[in-house]
Protein backbone atom coordinates (compact mmCIF):
# COMPACT_ATOMS: atom_id res chain seq x y z
CA MET A 1 -75.62 -34.39 -60.69
CA ARG A 2 -72.11 -35.43 -61.82
CA HIS A 3 -71.21 -31.78 -62.58
CA LYS A 4 -72.18 -30.76 -59.05
CA LEU A 5 -69.88 -33.41 -57.53
CA TYR A 6 -66.89 -32.10 -59.55
CA ALA A 7 -67.61 -28.53 -58.50
CA ILE A 8 -67.23 -29.24 -54.76
CA PRO A 9 -63.49 -30.28 -54.84
CA ILE A 10 -62.61 -27.42 -57.17
CA PHE A 11 -64.24 -24.90 -54.84
CA THR A 12 -62.48 -26.38 -51.79
CA LEU A 13 -59.07 -26.19 -53.48
CA PHE A 14 -59.64 -22.58 -54.50
CA ALA A 15 -60.63 -21.60 -50.94
CA ALA A 16 -57.49 -23.26 -49.49
CA LEU A 17 -55.20 -21.41 -51.89
CA LEU A 18 -56.91 -18.12 -51.08
CA LEU A 19 -56.47 -18.62 -47.32
CA ALA A 20 -52.81 -19.55 -47.72
CA ALA A 21 -52.13 -16.41 -49.72
CA CYS A 22 -53.80 -14.20 -47.14
CA GLY A 23 -51.99 -15.77 -44.17
CA ALA A 24 -48.46 -15.64 -45.56
CA ALA A 25 -46.21 -13.23 -43.61
CA PRO A 26 -44.21 -10.76 -45.66
CA SER A 27 -40.59 -11.81 -45.96
CA ASN A 28 -39.23 -8.26 -45.51
CA ALA A 29 -40.73 -7.60 -42.02
CA ALA A 30 -38.63 -5.15 -39.92
CA PRO A 31 -36.77 -6.70 -36.92
CA PRO A 32 -37.71 -5.51 -33.41
CA PRO A 33 -35.82 -2.42 -32.23
CA GLN A 34 -32.72 -3.07 -30.10
CA THR A 35 -32.28 -1.39 -26.70
CA ASN A 36 -28.77 -0.27 -25.69
CA THR A 37 -27.73 -1.01 -22.06
CA PRO A 38 -25.98 2.01 -20.49
CA ASP A 39 -22.29 1.54 -19.78
CA PRO A 40 -21.94 1.60 -15.95
CA CYS A 41 -18.40 2.96 -16.30
CA ALA A 42 -19.50 5.91 -18.45
CA PRO A 43 -19.09 9.34 -16.80
CA SER A 44 -22.87 9.77 -16.76
CA GLN A 45 -23.42 6.45 -14.96
CA ILE A 46 -20.40 5.79 -12.75
CA GLY A 47 -21.68 8.05 -9.97
CA PHE A 48 -24.74 5.84 -9.50
CA GLU A 49 -22.55 2.73 -9.34
CA ILE A 50 -20.18 4.32 -6.80
CA LYS A 51 -23.15 5.28 -4.63
CA LYS A 52 -24.21 1.62 -4.35
CA ILE A 53 -20.86 0.77 -2.77
CA ASN A 54 -20.54 3.92 -0.69
CA ASP A 55 -24.02 3.48 0.78
CA GLN A 56 -22.86 0.17 2.29
CA VAL A 57 -19.72 1.84 3.63
CA ARG A 58 -21.83 4.53 5.30
CA VAL A 59 -24.02 1.90 6.96
CA PHE A 60 -20.83 0.21 8.15
CA ASP A 61 -19.58 3.53 9.55
CA ASP A 62 -22.80 3.94 11.54
CA LEU A 63 -22.35 0.48 13.03
CA THR A 64 -18.69 1.26 13.80
CA PHE A 65 -19.81 4.37 15.69
CA VAL A 66 -22.13 2.25 17.84
CA ALA A 67 -19.45 -0.40 18.36
CA ASN A 68 -16.98 2.22 19.58
CA LEU A 69 -19.44 3.20 22.32
CA THR A 70 -20.32 -0.40 23.26
CA ASP A 71 -18.94 -2.21 26.27
CA GLN A 72 -16.16 -4.65 25.47
CA LYS A 73 -18.22 -7.65 26.57
CA LEU A 74 -21.24 -6.62 24.47
CA LEU A 75 -19.54 -6.25 21.08
CA THR A 76 -20.90 -9.51 19.66
CA GLN A 77 -24.10 -8.00 18.25
CA PRO A 78 -22.46 -4.95 16.60
CA ILE A 79 -19.79 -7.18 15.06
CA MET A 80 -22.44 -9.53 13.62
CA GLU A 81 -24.30 -6.58 12.09
CA MET A 82 -21.05 -5.28 10.59
CA GLN A 83 -20.35 -8.71 9.11
CA ALA A 84 -23.81 -8.69 7.49
CA VAL A 85 -23.03 -5.38 5.76
CA ARG A 86 -19.71 -6.76 4.54
CA ARG A 87 -21.48 -9.81 3.07
CA GLN A 88 -23.87 -7.53 1.19
CA LEU A 89 -20.86 -5.81 -0.36
CA GLU A 90 -19.26 -9.16 -1.22
CA LYS A 91 -22.43 -10.19 -3.10
CA MET A 92 -22.24 -7.17 -5.37
CA ASP A 93 -21.06 -7.63 -8.94
CA PRO A 94 -19.41 -4.28 -9.69
CA PRO A 95 -18.32 -3.33 -13.21
CA PRO A 96 -14.59 -3.67 -13.95
CA CYS A 97 -13.95 0.02 -13.31
CA LEU A 98 -15.20 -0.33 -9.70
CA GLU A 99 -13.65 -3.66 -8.75
CA LYS A 100 -10.75 -1.95 -6.96
CA LEU A 101 -13.12 0.35 -5.04
CA ASN A 102 -15.27 -2.57 -3.94
CA ALA A 103 -12.22 -4.60 -2.88
CA SER A 104 -10.84 -1.63 -0.92
CA ALA A 105 -14.11 -1.26 0.97
CA ILE A 106 -14.20 -4.97 1.84
CA SER A 107 -10.57 -4.93 3.04
CA TYR A 108 -11.30 -1.93 5.26
CA MET A 109 -14.36 -3.63 6.75
CA ASN A 110 -12.42 -6.83 7.39
CA MET A 111 -9.74 -4.99 9.36
CA VAL A 112 -12.25 -3.06 11.50
CA ILE A 113 -14.12 -6.27 12.30
CA ASN A 114 -10.81 -7.95 13.16
CA TYR A 115 -9.64 -5.35 15.64
CA LEU A 116 -13.05 -5.18 17.33
CA ALA A 117 -13.13 -8.96 17.66
CA HIS A 118 -9.57 -9.00 19.00
CA PHE A 119 -10.42 -6.21 21.45
CA MET A 120 -13.40 -8.20 22.68
CA GLY A 121 -11.19 -11.29 23.02
CA GLY A 122 -8.55 -9.54 25.10
CA ILE A 123 -5.69 -9.45 22.57
CA SER A 124 -2.75 -7.23 23.51
CA GLN A 125 -3.27 -3.49 23.10
CA GLU A 126 -0.14 -3.28 20.96
CA GLN A 127 -1.61 -5.64 18.35
CA ILE A 128 -4.99 -3.91 18.43
CA ASN A 129 -3.35 -0.52 17.88
CA ALA A 130 -1.44 -1.95 14.92
CA GLU A 131 -4.69 -3.27 13.41
CA ILE A 132 -6.41 0.06 14.01
CA GLY A 133 -3.60 1.80 12.17
CA ALA A 134 -3.93 -0.69 9.32
CA SER A 135 -7.68 -0.06 9.12
CA GLN A 136 -7.00 3.67 8.83
CA SER A 137 -4.62 3.06 5.93
CA LEU A 138 -7.21 0.86 4.20
CA ARG A 139 -9.92 3.48 4.67
CA THR A 140 -7.64 6.12 3.18
CA ALA A 141 -6.99 3.84 0.19
CA TYR A 142 -10.76 3.50 -0.32
CA GLU A 143 -11.33 7.27 -0.17
CA GLU A 144 -8.43 7.94 -2.54
CA GLU A 145 -9.81 5.47 -5.08
CA ARG A 146 -13.31 6.94 -4.80
CA ALA A 147 -11.92 10.43 -5.35
CA ARG A 148 -9.91 9.25 -8.36
CA LEU A 149 -12.98 7.74 -9.99
CA VAL A 150 -14.85 11.05 -9.86
CA GLY A 151 -11.82 13.12 -10.85
CA ALA A 152 -11.30 14.74 -7.45
CA THR A 153 -8.33 15.01 -5.09
CA TYR A 154 -8.65 13.28 -1.73
CA LEU A 155 -7.96 15.62 1.19
CA PRO A 156 -7.68 14.07 4.67
CA PRO A 157 -9.95 15.72 7.28
CA PRO A 158 -8.13 18.51 9.14
CA THR A 159 -7.37 18.21 12.83
CA ARG A 160 -7.32 20.92 15.42
CA VAL A 161 -4.49 21.41 17.87
CA PRO A 162 -5.31 22.72 21.35
CA VAL A 163 -3.76 25.95 22.51
CA THR A 164 -1.04 25.47 25.13
CA PRO A 165 0.33 28.22 27.37
CA PRO A 166 3.74 29.63 26.39
CA ALA A 167 6.65 27.81 27.97
CA THR A 168 8.82 29.57 30.51
CA ASN A 169 12.51 29.78 29.73
CA PRO A 170 14.71 27.75 32.09
CA GLY A 171 15.84 29.88 35.00
CA GLN A 172 13.36 32.63 34.24
CA ASP A 173 11.70 34.07 37.32
CA VAL A 174 7.98 34.49 37.19
CA THR A 175 6.76 37.25 39.48
CA PRO A 176 3.07 37.06 40.27
CA VAL A 177 1.12 40.26 39.71
CA SER A 178 -0.08 41.63 43.01
CA ASN A 179 -3.54 42.97 43.38
CA GLN A 180 -3.59 46.76 43.63
CA PRO A 181 -6.07 48.71 45.70
CA GLY A 182 -9.26 49.22 43.78
CA ASP A 183 -8.56 46.37 41.36
CA PRO A 184 -11.03 43.46 41.16
CA PRO A 185 -9.97 40.32 43.00
CA LEU A 186 -7.63 38.08 41.06
CA GLN A 187 -9.23 34.84 39.92
CA THR A 188 -7.33 31.59 39.72
CA PRO A 189 -7.87 30.03 36.28
CA GLN A 190 -10.10 26.97 36.52
CA VAL A 191 -8.71 23.69 35.30
CA VAL A 192 -11.29 22.12 32.99
CA LEU A 193 -11.57 18.38 33.52
CA VAL A 194 -13.40 15.67 31.63
CA THR A 195 -14.77 12.66 33.47
CA ASN A 196 -16.01 9.31 32.25
CA PRO A 197 -19.38 9.02 34.04
CA GLY A 198 -20.29 5.60 32.67
CA SER A 199 -19.46 2.01 33.51
CA ALA A 200 -17.53 1.30 30.28
CA SER A 201 -14.25 2.70 29.02
CA ILE A 202 -14.30 5.56 26.49
CA ASN A 203 -12.10 5.52 23.40
CA ILE A 204 -9.34 8.13 23.20
CA ARG A 205 -8.58 8.84 19.54
CA LEU A 206 -5.60 10.28 17.71
CA GLU A 207 -7.77 12.68 15.69
CA PRO A 208 -11.30 14.09 16.17
CA SER A 209 -13.00 11.42 14.07
CA MET A 210 -14.87 8.19 14.80
CA THR A 211 -12.70 6.45 12.23
CA SER A 212 -9.42 7.66 13.73
CA ALA A 213 -7.02 5.34 15.54
CA ILE A 214 -7.69 4.55 19.20
CA VAL A 215 -4.63 5.49 21.27
CA GLY A 216 -6.01 4.83 24.74
CA TYR A 217 -9.06 4.58 26.97
CA LEU A 218 -10.62 6.78 29.62
CA GLN A 219 -11.69 4.33 32.30
CA PRO A 220 -14.95 4.67 34.32
CA ASN A 221 -14.77 7.60 36.78
CA GLU A 222 -11.33 8.58 35.44
CA THR A 223 -10.62 12.27 34.82
CA ALA A 224 -8.24 14.06 32.47
CA PRO A 225 -7.42 17.73 31.81
CA ALA A 226 -9.31 19.22 28.85
CA ILE A 227 -7.20 21.65 26.81
CA GLY A 228 -9.13 22.27 23.59
CA ARG A 229 -12.12 21.45 21.43
CA THR A 230 -13.17 21.38 17.80
CA GLU A 231 -15.07 24.35 16.41
CA ASP A 232 -18.34 22.39 16.42
CA SER A 233 -17.72 21.29 20.06
CA LEU A 234 -18.20 17.62 19.13
CA TRP A 235 -14.68 16.64 20.23
CA ILE A 236 -12.55 17.58 23.24
CA ALA A 237 -8.76 17.47 23.34
CA ILE A 238 -7.41 15.99 26.58
CA GLU A 239 -4.02 15.22 28.09
CA PRO A 240 -4.15 11.42 28.44
CA ALA A 241 -2.23 9.86 31.31
CA ASN A 242 0.69 7.54 30.58
CA SER A 243 0.53 8.23 26.86
CA PRO A 244 3.28 9.05 24.34
CA PHE A 245 0.99 11.74 22.89
CA ARG A 246 0.79 15.23 24.32
CA TYR A 247 -2.94 15.26 23.64
CA ALA A 248 -5.68 13.16 22.06
CA TRP A 249 -9.43 13.39 21.52
CA VAL A 250 -12.63 12.12 23.16
CA TYR A 251 -16.18 12.45 21.88
CA ALA A 252 -17.88 15.23 23.86
CA GLU A 253 -21.21 13.43 24.34
CA THR A 254 -19.52 10.54 26.15
CA VAL A 255 -17.87 12.60 28.91
CA GLN A 256 -18.79 15.15 31.56
CA LEU A 257 -17.11 18.54 32.05
CA ASN A 258 -16.72 20.55 35.24
CA ALA A 259 -17.07 23.77 33.22
CA PRO A 260 -18.93 24.92 30.08
CA ILE A 261 -17.35 23.52 26.95
CA GLU A 262 -17.31 27.04 25.48
CA GLU A 263 -14.45 27.89 27.85
CA LEU A 264 -12.13 25.61 25.88
CA PRO A 265 -10.18 27.17 22.98
CA THR A 266 -10.77 26.31 19.33
CA PRO A 267 -7.41 26.73 17.56
CA GLU A 268 -6.80 26.74 13.83
CA PRO A 269 -6.28 23.47 11.89
CA SER A 270 -2.79 22.07 12.14
CA ALA A 271 -0.92 18.81 11.81
CA THR A 272 -1.64 15.56 13.60
CA PRO A 273 -0.24 15.57 17.16
CA ALA A 274 3.21 14.07 17.35
CA PRO A 275 4.49 11.93 20.22
CA SER A 276 6.30 13.82 22.93
CA GLU A 277 10.07 13.73 23.04
CA THR A 278 10.10 11.85 26.32
CA PRO A 279 7.29 9.29 26.20
CA ALA A 280 5.76 8.30 29.50
CA PRO A 281 6.43 4.71 30.59
């Protein structure tokens, strides 16, 4: 009986040592594999990071397009939507290589929102035009930085200059051509006019682009001579009244024409229209 009692503790101790030996983890276990995070500024990744910023800029451009066609008194809602897009951009945490691009986009948005708010509030046209010009410069800075990041050269969008009839030398007599017997009747060239058919003013822009500077307004029921168009017929060149510019541009869908738009010429790309030598008062 006494030998049996001694055998029980010995067996228990042996079992405990055996379990401890089996459960011990090997000291040379391999560490878990490490995952490398891609560098967002690497050439293979930077395009994806730029797209995140540029997508917000494109949404902002769409809202700017709507705002430019909105009545002055109804600009509150478009401005609020534009501010929401700007806040989304401000919340982004871009990598160091894109901080300048992100800041350029925010500065551009701020200036556009400012001039729209000032326009709605009735600030002087001179100040609004200055802010519009500043917004154009900021947008150009954004596009130049974006092009630099991808190794491209920024090229401003070309403009098209309307064809104007040749000037007559001072003192030169112009003899009308008489109609000869058998010739078809002479037709007087039709003056193509654009009219603002709506109840809100239409923006007149320096270049055929929704992001170009506003240089005047075509008031409701006001007409102006049309002297050219872009090749895609989206923009019409007009001779604005009381303007220092010989011509400027209106968006074709916002106006009415008294003749088919195809009758207007589509000249080759040229420089931005310069102010006339004798500006109108």
